[in-house]
Amino acid sequence: MQSAITDTGMTVEGYRAIAEAAQADPDLRKRIETAVGVPGQ
C-alpha cells in the first residue's frame, strides 16, 4: 500500500493525516468520496 500512496506523489504521513481528518469530519468524508467517485454518492 505504501507504494500506491507514494506513487501518486503523496507521503504516507500526508495520507494518514487526510484519513484521520475524514474519519473525524463527516462532511470532509463526503467531499472525498465524491471527488474519488465512490459508488452511491
C-alpha atoms as a PDB file:
ATOM      1  CA  MET A   1       0.000   0.000   0.000  1.00  0.00           C
ATOM      2  CA  GLN A   2       2.881   2.352   0.710  1.00  0.00           C
ATOM      3  CA  SER A   3       3.999   2.334  -2.921  1.00  0.00           C
ATOM      4  CA  ALA A   4       0.423   3.016  -4.071  1.00  0.00           C
ATOM      5  CA  ILE A   5       0.454   6.157  -1.924  1.00  0.00           C
ATOM      6  CA  THR A   6       3.964   7.339  -2.771  1.00  0.00           C
ATOM      7  CA  ASP A   7       3.493   6.628  -6.494  1.00  0.00           C
ATOM      8  CA  THR A   8       0.888   9.420  -6.509  1.00  0.00           C
ATOM      9  CA  GLY A   9       3.431  11.865  -5.079  1.00  0.00           C
ATOM     10  CA  MET A  10       1.885  11.833  -1.632  1.00  0.00           C
ATOM     11  CA  THR A  11       3.630  10.935   1.612  1.00  0.00           C
ATOM     12  CA  VAL A  12       2.348   8.188   3.883  1.00  0.00           C
ATOM     13  CA  GLU A  13       2.130  10.751   6.664  1.00  0.00           C
ATOM     14  CA  GLY A  14       0.016  13.027   4.480  1.00  0.00           C
ATOM     15  CA  TYR A  15      -2.281  10.148   3.564  1.00  0.00           C
ATOM     16  CA  ARG A  16      -2.716   9.224   7.218  1.00  0.00           C
ATOM     17  CA  ALA A  17      -3.500  12.827   8.147  1.00  0.00           C
ATOM     18  CA  ILE A  18      -6.193  13.008   5.475  1.00  0.00           C
ATOM     19  CA  ALA A  19      -7.645   9.636   6.512  1.00  0.00           C
ATOM     20  CA  GLU A  20      -7.808  10.692  10.161  1.00  0.00           C
ATOM     21  CA  ALA A  21      -9.422  14.012   9.269  1.00  0.00           C
ATOM     22  CA  ALA A  22     -12.006  12.253   7.090  1.00  0.00           C
ATOM     23  CA  GLN A  23     -12.878   9.882   9.915  1.00  0.00           C
ATOM     24  CA  ALA A  24     -13.427  12.801  12.272  1.00  0.00           C
ATOM     25  CA  ASP A  25     -15.380  15.023   9.844  1.00  0.00           C
ATOM     26  CA  PRO A  26     -18.390  13.513   8.029  1.00  0.00           C
ATOM     27  CA  ASP A  27     -18.626  16.470   5.621  1.00  0.00           C
ATOM     28  CA  LEU A  28     -14.983  16.073   4.613  1.00  0.00           C
ATOM     29  CA  ARG A  29     -15.525  12.350   4.161  1.00  0.00           C
ATOM     30  CA  LYS A  30     -18.423  13.002   1.774  1.00  0.00           C
ATOM     31  CA  ARG A  31     -16.335  15.503  -0.205  1.00  0.00           C
ATOM     32  CA  ILE A  32     -13.512  12.991  -0.560  1.00  0.00           C
ATOM     33  CA  GLU A  33     -15.899  10.209  -1.582  1.00  0.00           C
ATOM     34  CA  THR A  34     -17.449  12.476  -4.197  1.00  0.00           C
ATOM     35  CA  ALA A  35     -14.041  13.517  -5.517  1.00  0.00           C
ATOM     36  CA  VAL A  36     -12.816   9.947  -5.943  1.00  0.00           C
ATOM     37  CA  GLY A  37     -16.113   8.661  -7.289  1.00  0.00           C
ATOM     38  CA  VAL A  38     -17.261   6.292  -4.568  1.00  0.00           C
ATOM     39  CA  PRO A  39     -20.402   4.474  -5.810  1.00  0.00           C
ATOM     40  CA  GLY A  40     -23.645   5.621  -4.252  1.00  0.00           C
ATOM     41  CA  GLN A  41     -22.538   9.202  -3.813  1.00  0.00           C
END
